[in-house]
Amino acid sequence: MSSDAEGKIIMKILGVRYLSFLILVLAFLATGRGGDLGRPAQKDEKDGTLVVLVTWGDLDNTPATNVYIEAHGFVPKYRSEKSFVLKSLRDGQYEATLPPAVYDVFVSDGTSEPRCRRVLIRPGLTETWTLKLKIDEVYTQH
């Protein structure tokens, strides 16, 4: 075989390898994983805890019952927006375990002014928000 023929065969083999590599890179980009190629994998972070302590705002600071509390935010762990509803552990105390992220926390009750606060949940830590509800004037007018 001549060296010219050997050179053409080598060029074809290199061309196929290059093309295969290019297809592999394009496949990663199409699945959305291409942006992660240069970034180290995130270690699996522990969740944090959000505790919201709510009172009616009366003179006795009576613990509030049947309050709806939701934490909403972009969660990097899931790469999307998520909402979590906090559960009542006892009168006036609502809690949820949340992945680390920044959340807008909404507090709603049919007779009180709605409230909102932004909180940062960090891995393995507890964030606490204490608030007193105020009677909603719109509610008292109807």
Protein backbone atom coordinates (compact mmCIF):
# COMPACT_ATOMS: atom_id res chain seq x y z
CA MET A 1 0.00 0.00 0.00
CA SER A 2 1.36 3.44 -0.88
CA SER A 3 1.94 6.10 1.72
CA ASP A 4 -0.65 8.25 -0.07
CA ALA A 5 -3.33 5.53 0.42
CA GLU A 6 -2.30 5.09 4.06
CA GLY A 7 -2.64 8.85 4.61
CA LYS A 8 -6.19 8.83 3.21
CA ILE A 9 -7.19 5.93 5.48
CA ILE A 10 -5.75 7.71 8.52
CA MET A 11 -7.58 10.91 7.57
CA LYS A 12 -10.87 8.97 7.27
CA ILE A 13 -10.36 7.38 10.71
CA LEU A 14 -9.55 10.77 12.28
CA GLY A 15 -12.56 12.29 10.52
CA VAL A 16 -14.87 9.64 11.96
CA ARG A 17 -13.44 10.14 15.48
CA TYR A 18 -13.81 13.91 15.20
CA LEU A 19 -17.37 13.55 13.94
CA SER A 20 -18.22 11.12 16.78
CA PHE A 21 -16.83 13.55 19.35
CA LEU A 22 -18.79 16.43 17.82
CA ILE A 23 -22.04 14.39 17.93
CA LEU A 24 -21.41 13.51 21.58
CA VAL A 25 -20.89 17.19 22.52
CA LEU A 26 -24.04 18.21 20.65
CA ALA A 27 -26.03 15.50 22.44
CA PHE A 28 -24.90 16.87 25.83
CA LEU A 29 -25.86 20.39 24.82
CA ALA A 30 -29.27 19.25 23.59
CA THR A 31 -30.08 17.55 26.91
CA GLY A 32 -29.12 20.65 28.89
CA ARG A 33 -26.07 19.02 30.47
CA GLY A 34 -23.57 20.90 28.37
CA GLY A 35 -23.56 23.84 30.78
CA ASP A 36 -22.33 21.53 33.53
CA LEU A 37 -19.25 20.27 31.67
CA GLY A 38 -16.89 22.87 33.12
CA ARG A 39 -18.51 23.03 36.54
CA PRO A 40 -17.78 20.61 39.39
CA ALA A 41 -20.73 18.47 40.48
CA GLN A 42 -22.59 19.89 43.49
CA LYS A 43 -22.40 17.79 46.59
CA ASP A 44 -25.75 16.66 47.90
CA GLU A 45 -26.64 19.42 50.37
CA LYS A 46 -28.67 18.82 53.50
CA ASP A 47 -32.08 20.43 53.68
CA GLY A 48 -32.80 23.25 56.09
CA THR A 49 -35.88 23.96 58.19
CA LEU A 50 -38.33 26.84 58.16
CA VAL A 51 -40.35 27.50 61.31
CA VAL A 52 -43.06 30.19 61.37
CA LEU A 53 -44.50 31.14 64.76
CA VAL A 54 -47.84 32.93 64.40
CA THR A 55 -50.08 34.63 66.97
CA TRP A 56 -53.43 36.35 66.49
CA GLY A 57 -52.01 39.65 67.73
CA ASP A 58 -54.47 39.94 70.60
CA LEU A 59 -53.42 41.00 74.10
CA ASP A 60 -52.77 37.39 75.10
CA ASN A 61 -50.75 36.59 71.93
CA THR A 62 -52.95 33.56 71.33
CA PRO A 63 -51.32 31.04 68.96
CA ALA A 64 -52.96 31.23 65.53
CA THR A 65 -54.72 28.17 64.14
CA ASN A 66 -55.79 27.23 60.59
CA VAL A 67 -53.32 29.61 58.96
CA TYR A 68 -52.10 28.86 55.42
CA ILE A 69 -48.34 29.26 54.95
CA GLU A 70 -46.51 28.58 51.69
CA ALA A 71 -42.83 28.94 50.77
CA HIS A 72 -42.17 29.54 47.07
CA GLY A 73 -38.86 29.99 45.26
CA PHE A 74 -36.35 28.82 42.67
CA VAL A 75 -34.66 25.72 44.07
CA PRO A 76 -31.21 25.09 42.54
CA LYS A 77 -31.36 21.42 43.58
CA TYR A 78 -34.32 20.90 41.21
CA ARG A 79 -33.39 23.68 38.77
CA SER A 80 -36.97 24.94 38.88
CA GLU A 81 -39.47 26.87 40.95
CA LYS A 82 -41.12 24.93 43.75
CA SER A 83 -43.77 25.60 46.39
CA PHE A 84 -43.99 23.98 49.80
CA VAL A 85 -46.91 24.25 52.24
CA LEU A 86 -45.91 24.38 55.89
CA LYS A 87 -47.62 21.96 58.30
CA SER A 88 -48.95 22.88 61.72
CA LEU A 89 -47.08 21.02 64.46
CA ARG A 90 -49.18 22.63 67.19
CA ASP A 91 -51.25 25.80 67.57
CA GLY A 92 -49.21 28.73 66.29
CA GLN A 93 -46.22 26.71 65.02
CA TYR A 94 -45.83 25.82 61.34
CA GLU A 95 -42.83 24.02 59.89
CA ALA A 96 -41.33 22.54 56.73
CA THR A 97 -38.06 20.94 55.71
CA LEU A 98 -36.84 22.75 52.58
CA PRO A 99 -33.94 22.42 50.14
CA PRO A 100 -31.46 25.30 50.42
CA ALA A 101 -32.71 28.33 48.47
CA VAL A 102 -34.26 31.79 48.78
CA TYR A 103 -38.03 31.62 49.35
CA ASP A 104 -40.92 34.06 49.44
CA VAL A 105 -43.03 32.96 52.40
CA PHE A 106 -46.74 33.82 52.24
CA VAL A 107 -48.98 33.78 55.31
CA SER A 108 -52.75 33.93 54.83
CA ASP A 109 -55.79 33.73 57.04
CA GLY A 110 -59.33 34.68 56.07
CA THR A 111 -59.68 37.43 58.69
CA SER A 112 -56.15 38.86 58.80
CA GLU A 113 -53.92 40.89 56.51
CA PRO A 114 -51.83 38.63 54.28
CA ARG A 115 -48.09 38.75 54.98
CA CYS A 116 -45.00 37.95 52.97
CA ARG A 117 -41.31 37.75 53.78
CA ARG A 118 -38.23 36.58 51.89
CA VAL A 119 -36.09 34.04 53.74
CA LEU A 120 -32.85 32.23 53.02
CA ILE A 121 -32.79 28.54 53.89
CA ARG A 122 -29.26 27.22 54.44
CA PRO A 123 -28.17 23.58 54.55
CA GLY A 124 -28.73 21.98 57.96
CA LEU A 125 -29.90 25.21 59.63
CA THR A 126 -33.26 26.44 60.94
CA GLU A 127 -34.72 29.81 59.96
CA THR A 128 -37.49 31.16 62.23
CA TRP A 129 -40.02 33.90 61.48
CA THR A 130 -42.22 35.13 64.34
CA LEU A 131 -45.21 37.30 63.46
CA LYS A 132 -48.48 38.66 64.81
CA LEU A 133 -51.47 38.73 62.51
CA LYS A 134 -53.46 41.94 62.19
CA ILE A 135 -57.21 42.10 61.55
CA ASP A 136 -57.90 42.92 57.91
CA GLU A 137 -60.01 46.08 57.56
CA VAL A 138 -61.50 44.76 54.32
CA TYR A 139 -62.81 41.75 56.22
CA THR A 140 -64.37 43.88 58.97
CA GLN A 141 -66.17 46.11 56.41
CA HIS A 142 -68.31 43.41 54.84
